[in-house]
Amino acid sequence: MSTLQTVVDDARVLLNDSAKLRYSDALLLKYANEAIAYAKRIRPDLFLGTFKTTLSAYGLTDSTPLPPEYEFALKDYVVARSNTIDDEYSIDGRAGAFNQNFKTVLMTI
């Protein structure tokens, strides 16, 4: 399993922000935690044994709680959320595509 730092770094490549100039690690980590919470809501089976426990915020050094085959969907959500704060006219379609891919992957694998 990857750490959330790996997820954030991989999302930066898709965001063309490898130099960490546009998005902070804290912001991208916040989006990753949102994605994990969203995944728990729509796919509780991915969290068997921990469903009744309160979902805490994960740090950059924590392993992703999702199975490895869902990590790329987690990256897609981070990219989608990041793109929504950019220029809404030029990025809107791209953000929607990444967000839809996140939802589709969670529902089909």
Protein backbone atom coordinates (compact mmCIF):
# COMPACT_ATOMS: atom_id res chain seq x y z
CA MET A 1 0.00 0.00 0.00
CA SER A 2 1.12 3.50 -0.78
CA THR A 3 1.27 6.36 1.67
CA LEU A 4 -0.90 9.40 1.21
CA GLN A 5 2.29 11.34 0.41
CA THR A 6 2.68 9.11 -2.66
CA VAL A 7 -0.94 9.79 -3.63
CA VAL A 8 -0.41 13.54 -3.26
CA ASP A 9 2.86 13.45 -5.22
CA ASP A 10 1.30 11.40 -8.02
CA ALA A 11 -1.66 13.80 -8.19
CA ARG A 12 0.80 16.69 -8.53
CA VAL A 13 2.09 15.18 -11.76
CA LEU A 14 -1.42 15.28 -13.22
CA LEU A 15 -1.83 18.82 -11.91
CA ASN A 16 1.45 19.96 -13.47
CA ASP A 17 2.59 21.08 -10.03
CA SER A 18 5.68 18.98 -9.33
CA ALA A 19 7.43 22.09 -7.94
CA LYS A 20 4.65 22.46 -5.32
CA LEU A 21 3.90 26.04 -6.32
CA ARG A 22 0.13 25.91 -6.87
CA TYR A 23 -1.14 23.52 -4.21
CA SER A 24 0.13 22.85 -0.70
CA ASP A 25 0.55 19.33 0.64
CA ALA A 26 -1.99 20.21 3.34
CA LEU A 27 -4.64 21.13 0.77
CA LEU A 28 -4.09 18.02 -1.34
CA LEU A 29 -4.11 15.87 1.80
CA LYS A 30 -7.42 17.46 2.77
CA TYR A 31 -8.84 16.44 -0.61
CA ALA A 32 -7.49 12.90 -0.18
CA ASN A 33 -9.22 12.66 3.21
CA GLU A 34 -12.45 13.88 1.59
CA ALA A 35 -12.14 11.12 -0.99
CA ILE A 36 -11.61 8.49 1.69
CA ALA A 37 -14.69 9.68 3.58
CA TYR A 38 -16.70 9.69 0.36
CA ALA A 39 -15.51 6.17 -0.44
CA LYS A 40 -16.56 4.98 3.01
CA ARG A 41 -20.03 6.41 2.47
CA ILE A 42 -20.66 4.81 -0.90
CA ARG A 43 -18.56 1.64 -0.46
CA PRO A 44 -18.65 0.66 3.22
CA ASP A 45 -17.57 -2.84 2.23
CA LEU A 46 -14.08 -1.45 1.62
CA PHE A 47 -13.89 -0.64 5.34
CA LEU A 48 -15.13 -3.93 6.82
CA GLY A 49 -14.27 -4.21 10.47
CA THR A 50 -13.92 -0.45 10.85
CA PHE A 51 -17.26 0.78 9.57
CA LYS A 52 -18.63 1.79 12.97
CA THR A 53 -15.47 3.56 14.02
CA THR A 54 -15.19 7.26 13.40
CA LEU A 55 -13.13 8.06 10.34
CA SER A 56 -10.15 10.09 11.44
CA ALA A 57 -8.08 12.34 9.23
CA TYR A 58 -5.05 10.62 7.77
CA GLY A 59 -1.60 12.18 7.59
CA LEU A 60 0.87 12.18 4.72
CA THR A 61 2.88 9.33 6.24
CA ASP A 62 -0.17 7.11 6.76
CA SER A 63 -0.91 4.26 4.39
CA THR A 64 -3.98 4.63 2.24
CA PRO A 65 -6.88 2.78 3.87
CA LEU A 66 -8.26 1.79 0.46
CA PRO A 67 -7.16 -1.35 -1.35
CA PRO A 68 -4.35 -0.73 -3.87
CA GLU A 69 -6.67 -1.05 -6.87
CA TYR A 70 -8.54 2.05 -5.67
CA GLU A 71 -5.52 4.29 -5.19
CA PHE A 72 -5.66 5.73 -8.70
CA ALA A 73 -9.29 6.71 -8.09
CA LEU A 74 -8.16 8.50 -4.95
CA LYS A 75 -5.65 10.43 -7.06
CA ASP A 76 -8.40 11.28 -9.55
CA TYR A 77 -10.50 12.80 -6.77
CA VAL A 78 -7.59 14.91 -5.55
CA VAL A 79 -7.03 16.18 -9.10
CA ALA A 80 -10.75 16.88 -9.59
CA ARG A 81 -11.04 18.86 -6.34
CA SER A 82 -7.87 20.78 -7.12
CA ASN A 83 -9.11 21.68 -10.57
CA THR A 84 -12.36 23.07 -9.20
CA ILE A 85 -10.49 25.92 -7.51
CA ASP A 86 -8.76 26.88 -10.76
CA ASP A 87 -10.40 28.86 -13.54
CA GLU A 88 -13.85 27.31 -13.74
CA TYR A 89 -14.24 27.93 -17.46
CA SER A 90 -11.07 26.27 -18.70
CA ILE A 91 -10.81 23.45 -16.15
CA ASP A 92 -14.46 22.59 -15.48
CA GLY A 93 -14.61 19.73 -17.99
CA ARG A 94 -11.35 18.25 -16.79
CA ALA A 95 -12.43 18.38 -13.13
CA GLY A 96 -15.74 16.73 -14.02
CA ALA A 97 -14.00 13.95 -15.90
CA PHE A 98 -11.67 13.14 -12.99
CA ASN A 99 -14.56 13.28 -10.53
CA GLN A 100 -16.69 10.99 -12.67
CA ASN A 101 -13.80 8.54 -13.00
CA PHE A 102 -13.45 8.46 -9.20
CA LYS A 103 -17.15 7.61 -8.79
CA THR A 104 -17.15 5.07 -11.61
CA VAL A 105 -14.15 3.20 -10.25
CA LEU A 106 -15.62 3.00 -6.78
CA MET A 107 -18.85 1.56 -8.12
CA THR A 108 -17.44 -0.93 -10.62
CA ILE A 109 -14.38 -2.66 -9.15
